[in-house]
Amino acid sequence: MPVTSRSRYFNQPVNRVLDSSGEEHEAIAIRPAPPPAPSGESQHLMSGLESIEYLAWRYFGTSDSWWRIADANPLKFPLDLFPGSKVTIPSSADVGRMQRTRKV
């Protein structure tokens, strides 16, 4: 199962699982939804030509982390952010955490 180094699933364990028909295949565990109100989050008011990639670069140092902001704003489609939109920015300590809730 190829996963590129830019994927948020990079370095995650690949498991052999059985599907409903009994056939075995490779799978990566699904990331759980982010907690509802992580500590240290802040609000950002979108202005001008800002995009979710720009906000990721500004707050996390890399535009590849745009999905962290998208995960913190689950009810908003990233391309629908326009000037005047309020966006939740998670703290860098809260983003990218993974918690396994089931045994494989």
N, C-alpha and C. Protein backbone atom coordinates (compact mmCIF):
# COMPACT_ATOMS: atom_id res chain seq x y z
N MET A 1 0.86 -1.17 0.00
CA MET A 1 0.00 0.00 0.00
C MET A 1 0.91 1.23 0.00
N PRO A 2 1.06 1.90 -1.13
CA PRO A 2 1.95 3.06 -1.19
C PRO A 2 1.35 4.29 -0.52
N VAL A 3 2.12 4.89 0.38
CA VAL A 3 1.73 6.13 1.04
C VAL A 3 2.91 7.08 0.89
N THR A 4 2.69 8.24 0.28
CA THR A 4 3.79 9.16 0.05
C THR A 4 4.24 9.82 1.34
N SER A 5 5.43 10.38 1.33
CA SER A 5 5.98 11.02 2.53
C SER A 5 5.23 12.30 2.89
N ARG A 6 4.42 12.83 1.99
CA ARG A 6 3.64 14.04 2.27
C ARG A 6 2.26 13.72 2.84
N SER A 7 1.92 12.44 2.92
CA SER A 7 0.62 12.04 3.43
C SER A 7 0.59 12.09 4.95
N ARG A 8 -0.56 12.42 5.53
CA ARG A 8 -0.68 12.41 6.98
C ARG A 8 -0.68 10.98 7.52
N TYR A 9 -0.77 9.98 6.65
CA TYR A 9 -0.72 8.59 7.06
C TYR A 9 0.68 8.00 6.92
N PHE A 10 1.66 8.81 6.51
CA PHE A 10 3.03 8.33 6.37
C PHE A 10 3.55 7.84 7.72
N ASN A 11 4.25 6.75 7.75
CA ASN A 11 4.81 6.12 8.95
C ASN A 11 3.76 5.50 9.85
N GLN A 12 2.52 5.39 9.39
CA GLN A 12 1.50 4.70 10.17
C GLN A 12 1.59 3.21 9.84
N PRO A 13 1.31 2.36 10.81
CA PRO A 13 1.41 0.93 10.52
C PRO A 13 0.37 0.47 9.51
N VAL A 14 0.80 -0.42 8.64
CA VAL A 14 -0.09 -1.02 7.66
C VAL A 14 -0.49 -2.39 8.20
N ASN A 15 -1.78 -2.61 8.32
CA ASN A 15 -2.31 -3.86 8.90
C ASN A 15 -2.90 -4.73 7.82
N ARG A 16 -2.85 -6.04 8.04
CA ARG A 16 -3.54 -7.00 7.18
C ARG A 16 -4.90 -7.25 7.82
N VAL A 17 -5.99 -6.96 7.09
CA VAL A 17 -7.34 -7.11 7.63
C VAL A 17 -8.20 -7.93 6.68
N LEU A 18 -9.26 -8.48 7.23
CA LEU A 18 -10.23 -9.23 6.42
C LEU A 18 -11.42 -8.34 6.14
N ASP A 19 -11.86 -8.31 4.87
CA ASP A 19 -13.06 -7.53 4.55
C ASP A 19 -14.29 -8.41 4.77
N SER A 20 -15.46 -7.90 4.44
CA SER A 20 -16.71 -8.61 4.71
C SER A 20 -16.83 -9.93 3.94
N SER A 21 -16.10 -10.05 2.83
CA SER A 21 -16.16 -11.30 2.07
C SER A 21 -15.10 -12.30 2.51
N GLY A 22 -14.29 -11.92 3.51
CA GLY A 22 -13.26 -12.83 4.02
C GLY A 22 -11.93 -12.70 3.31
N GLU A 23 -11.82 -11.75 2.37
CA GLU A 23 -10.57 -11.56 1.63
C GLU A 23 -9.63 -10.66 2.43
N GLU A 24 -8.35 -11.01 2.47
CA GLU A 24 -7.37 -10.24 3.23
C GLU A 24 -6.76 -9.15 2.35
N HIS A 25 -6.60 -7.96 2.93
CA HIS A 25 -5.94 -6.87 2.21
C HIS A 25 -5.28 -5.93 3.22
N GLU A 26 -4.46 -4.98 2.71
CA GLU A 26 -3.75 -4.04 3.56
C GLU A 26 -4.64 -2.84 3.87
N ALA A 27 -4.51 -2.29 5.08
CA ALA A 27 -5.29 -1.12 5.47
C ALA A 27 -4.52 -0.32 6.51
N ILE A 28 -4.79 0.96 6.53
CA ILE A 28 -4.22 1.86 7.54
C ILE A 28 -5.36 2.27 8.45
N ALA A 29 -5.10 2.28 9.76
CA ALA A 29 -6.16 2.64 10.72
C ALA A 29 -6.65 4.06 10.44
N ILE A 30 -7.95 4.27 10.58
CA ILE A 30 -8.56 5.58 10.36
C ILE A 30 -8.24 6.48 11.54
N ARG A 31 -7.89 7.73 11.23
CA ARG A 31 -7.65 8.70 12.30
C ARG A 31 -8.97 9.07 12.94
N PRO A 32 -9.02 9.12 14.27
CA PRO A 32 -10.26 9.53 14.91
C PRO A 32 -10.52 11.01 14.70
N ALA A 33 -11.77 11.41 14.88
CA ALA A 33 -12.12 12.83 14.76
C ALA A 33 -11.39 13.61 15.85
N PRO A 34 -11.03 14.86 15.57
CA PRO A 34 -10.33 15.65 16.59
C PRO A 34 -11.26 15.94 17.77
N PRO A 35 -10.68 16.19 18.94
CA PRO A 35 -11.53 16.50 20.10
C PRO A 35 -12.33 17.76 19.84
N PRO A 36 -13.52 17.90 20.43
CA PRO A 36 -14.39 19.02 20.13
C PRO A 36 -13.81 20.40 20.45
N ALA A 37 -13.08 20.52 21.53
CA ALA A 37 -12.53 21.83 21.90
C ALA A 37 -11.12 21.67 22.45
N PRO A 38 -10.13 21.50 21.56
CA PRO A 38 -8.77 21.32 22.06
C PRO A 38 -8.27 22.58 22.77
N SER A 39 -7.47 22.35 23.80
CA SER A 39 -6.93 23.50 24.54
C SER A 39 -5.93 24.25 23.67
N GLY A 40 -5.90 25.54 23.83
CA GLY A 40 -4.93 26.35 23.10
C GLY A 40 -5.36 26.76 21.71
N GLU A 41 -6.59 26.46 21.33
CA GLU A 41 -7.02 26.85 19.98
C GLU A 41 -7.28 28.36 19.94
N SER A 42 -7.20 28.89 18.74
CA SER A 42 -7.47 30.32 18.56
C SER A 42 -8.37 30.50 17.34
N GLN A 43 -8.92 31.67 17.21
CA GLN A 43 -9.78 32.00 16.08
C GLN A 43 -9.02 32.92 15.13
N HIS A 44 -9.25 32.76 13.85
CA HIS A 44 -8.64 33.61 12.84
C HIS A 44 -9.75 34.13 11.94
N LEU A 45 -9.75 35.41 11.67
CA LEU A 45 -10.72 36.02 10.77
C LEU A 45 -10.09 36.12 9.39
N MET A 46 -10.64 35.40 8.43
CA MET A 46 -10.08 35.39 7.07
C MET A 46 -10.18 36.77 6.45
N SER A 47 -9.16 37.15 5.70
CA SER A 47 -9.17 38.43 5.01
C SER A 47 -8.50 38.29 3.65
N GLY A 48 -8.86 39.16 2.74
CA GLY A 48 -8.21 39.25 1.42
C GLY A 48 -8.08 37.93 0.69
N LEU A 49 -6.85 37.61 0.32
CA LEU A 49 -6.58 36.43 -0.50
C LEU A 49 -6.09 35.23 0.32
N GLU A 50 -6.34 35.22 1.61
CA GLU A 50 -5.88 34.12 2.45
C GLU A 50 -6.59 32.83 2.05
N SER A 51 -5.85 31.74 2.14
CA SER A 51 -6.41 30.41 1.87
C SER A 51 -6.05 29.52 3.05
N ILE A 52 -6.61 28.33 3.06
CA ILE A 52 -6.32 27.41 4.15
C ILE A 52 -4.84 26.98 4.11
N GLU A 53 -4.26 26.90 2.91
CA GLU A 53 -2.85 26.57 2.79
C GLU A 53 -1.98 27.69 3.35
N TYR A 54 -2.37 28.94 3.10
CA TYR A 54 -1.62 30.07 3.64
C TYR A 54 -1.67 30.06 5.17
N LEU A 55 -2.85 29.80 5.74
CA LEU A 55 -2.97 29.75 7.20
C LEU A 55 -2.11 28.64 7.79
N ALA A 56 -2.06 27.49 7.12
CA ALA A 56 -1.21 26.40 7.59
C ALA A 56 0.26 26.82 7.58
N TRP A 57 0.69 27.48 6.52
CA TRP A 57 2.07 27.96 6.46
C TRP A 57 2.33 28.99 7.57
N ARG A 58 1.38 29.89 7.77
CA ARG A 58 1.55 30.95 8.77
C ARG A 58 1.63 30.40 10.20
N TYR A 59 0.75 29.46 10.54
CA TYR A 59 0.68 28.97 11.91
C TYR A 59 1.54 27.74 12.19
N PHE A 60 1.80 26.90 11.16
CA PHE A 60 2.53 25.66 11.38
C PHE A 60 3.85 25.58 10.63
N GLY A 61 4.11 26.54 9.76
CA GLY A 61 5.39 26.56 9.05
C GLY A 61 5.42 25.76 7.77
N THR A 62 4.33 25.10 7.41
CA THR A 62 4.28 24.35 6.15
C THR A 62 2.84 24.33 5.63
N SER A 63 2.67 24.60 4.36
CA SER A 63 1.32 24.60 3.78
C SER A 63 0.75 23.20 3.67
N ASP A 64 1.60 22.17 3.78
CA ASP A 64 1.13 20.78 3.73
C ASP A 64 0.28 20.42 4.95
N SER A 65 0.28 21.26 5.96
CA SER A 65 -0.50 20.98 7.18
C SER A 65 -1.91 21.57 7.13
N TRP A 66 -2.40 21.90 5.94
CA TRP A 66 -3.73 22.50 5.80
C TRP A 66 -4.81 21.61 6.39
N TRP A 67 -4.62 20.29 6.34
CA TRP A 67 -5.62 19.34 6.84
C TRP A 67 -5.82 19.48 8.35
N ARG A 68 -4.81 19.97 9.08
CA ARG A 68 -4.96 20.17 10.53
C ARG A 68 -6.03 21.22 10.81
N ILE A 69 -6.02 22.28 10.01
CA ILE A 69 -7.03 23.33 10.16
C ILE A 69 -8.38 22.80 9.70
N ALA A 70 -8.39 22.02 8.63
CA ALA A 70 -9.65 21.44 8.14
C ALA A 70 -10.25 20.50 9.20
N ASP A 71 -9.41 19.71 9.89
CA ASP A 71 -9.90 18.83 10.95
C ASP A 71 -10.48 19.61 12.12
N ALA A 72 -9.93 20.79 12.40
CA ALA A 72 -10.41 21.61 13.52
C ALA A 72 -11.70 22.35 13.17
N ASN A 73 -12.06 22.38 11.89
CA ASN A 73 -13.27 23.06 11.41
C ASN A 73 -14.09 22.08 10.58
N PRO A 74 -14.62 21.01 11.21
CA PRO A 74 -15.26 19.95 10.43
C PRO A 74 -16.53 20.34 9.69
N LEU A 75 -17.18 21.41 10.08
CA LEU A 75 -18.44 21.78 9.42
C LEU A 75 -18.25 22.77 8.28
N LYS A 76 -16.99 23.08 7.96
CA LYS A 76 -16.71 24.05 6.88
C LYS A 76 -15.90 23.36 5.79
N PHE A 77 -16.31 23.55 4.55
CA PHE A 77 -15.56 23.04 3.41
C PHE A 77 -14.39 24.00 3.17
N PRO A 78 -13.14 23.51 3.12
CA PRO A 78 -11.98 24.41 3.02
C PRO A 78 -12.02 25.42 1.87
N LEU A 79 -12.63 25.07 0.76
CA LEU A 79 -12.67 25.99 -0.37
C LEU A 79 -13.76 27.04 -0.23
N ASP A 80 -14.64 26.89 0.76
CA ASP A 80 -15.71 27.85 0.99
C ASP A 80 -15.34 28.93 2.00
N LEU A 81 -14.08 28.99 2.40
CA LEU A 81 -13.64 30.03 3.34
C LEU A 81 -13.44 31.32 2.56
N PHE A 82 -14.10 32.38 2.97
CA PHE A 82 -14.04 33.66 2.27
C PHE A 82 -13.72 34.76 3.29
N PRO A 83 -13.34 35.95 2.83
CA PRO A 83 -13.05 37.04 3.77
C PRO A 83 -14.21 37.25 4.73
N GLY A 84 -13.89 37.31 6.02
CA GLY A 84 -14.90 37.47 7.05
C GLY A 84 -15.25 36.16 7.75
N SER A 85 -14.81 35.02 7.20
CA SER A 85 -15.05 33.72 7.83
C SER A 85 -14.17 33.59 9.08
N LYS A 86 -14.74 33.02 10.15
CA LYS A 86 -13.95 32.71 11.34
C LYS A 86 -13.48 31.27 11.24
N VAL A 87 -12.18 31.08 11.43
CA VAL A 87 -11.59 29.75 11.32
C VAL A 87 -10.91 29.42 12.64
N THR A 88 -11.14 28.21 13.14
CA THR A 88 -10.46 27.75 14.35
C THR A 88 -9.09 27.23 13.97
N ILE A 89 -8.07 27.72 14.66
CA ILE A 89 -6.69 27.27 14.44
C ILE A 89 -6.27 26.49 15.69
N PRO A 90 -6.01 25.19 15.56
CA PRO A 90 -5.59 24.42 16.74
C PRO A 90 -4.16 24.78 17.12
N SER A 91 -3.83 24.59 18.39
CA SER A 91 -2.45 24.85 18.80
C SER A 91 -1.57 23.75 18.21
N SER A 92 -0.31 24.03 18.02
CA SER A 92 0.58 23.05 17.39
C SER A 92 0.73 21.81 18.26
N ALA A 93 0.49 21.91 19.57
CA ALA A 93 0.58 20.74 20.44
C ALA A 93 -0.63 19.83 20.27
N ASP A 94 -1.76 20.36 19.83
CA ASP A 94 -2.98 19.58 19.72
C ASP A 94 -3.14 18.90 18.37
N VAL A 95 -2.45 19.37 17.36
CA VAL A 95 -2.68 18.85 16.02
C VAL A 95 -1.84 17.62 15.75
N GLY A 96 -2.37 16.77 14.92
CA GLY A 96 -1.64 15.60 14.49
C GLY A 96 -1.59 14.48 15.52
N ARG A 97 -2.26 14.62 16.64
CA ARG A 97 -2.28 13.57 17.63
C ARG A 97 -3.15 12.43 17.15
N MET A 98 -2.71 11.24 17.45
CA MET A 98 -3.46 10.08 17.02
C MET A 98 -3.70 9.19 18.23
N GLN A 99 -4.89 8.72 18.39
CA GLN A 99 -5.22 7.88 19.52
C GLN A 99 -5.91 6.63 18.99
N ARG A 100 -5.34 5.50 19.27
CA ARG A 100 -5.93 4.25 18.81
C ARG A 100 -7.01 3.86 19.80
N THR A 101 -8.22 3.64 19.32
CA THR A 101 -9.35 3.34 20.20
C THR A 101 -9.83 1.91 20.06
N ARG A 102 -9.21 1.16 19.18
CA ARG A 102 -9.63 -0.23 19.02
C ARG A 102 -8.39 -1.10 18.84
N LYS A 103 -8.52 -2.34 19.17
CA LYS A 103 -7.41 -3.28 19.01
C LYS A 103 -7.50 -3.93 17.65
N VAL A 104 -6.36 -4.14 17.03
CA VAL A 104 -6.33 -4.73 15.70
C VAL A 104 -6.00 -6.19 15.78
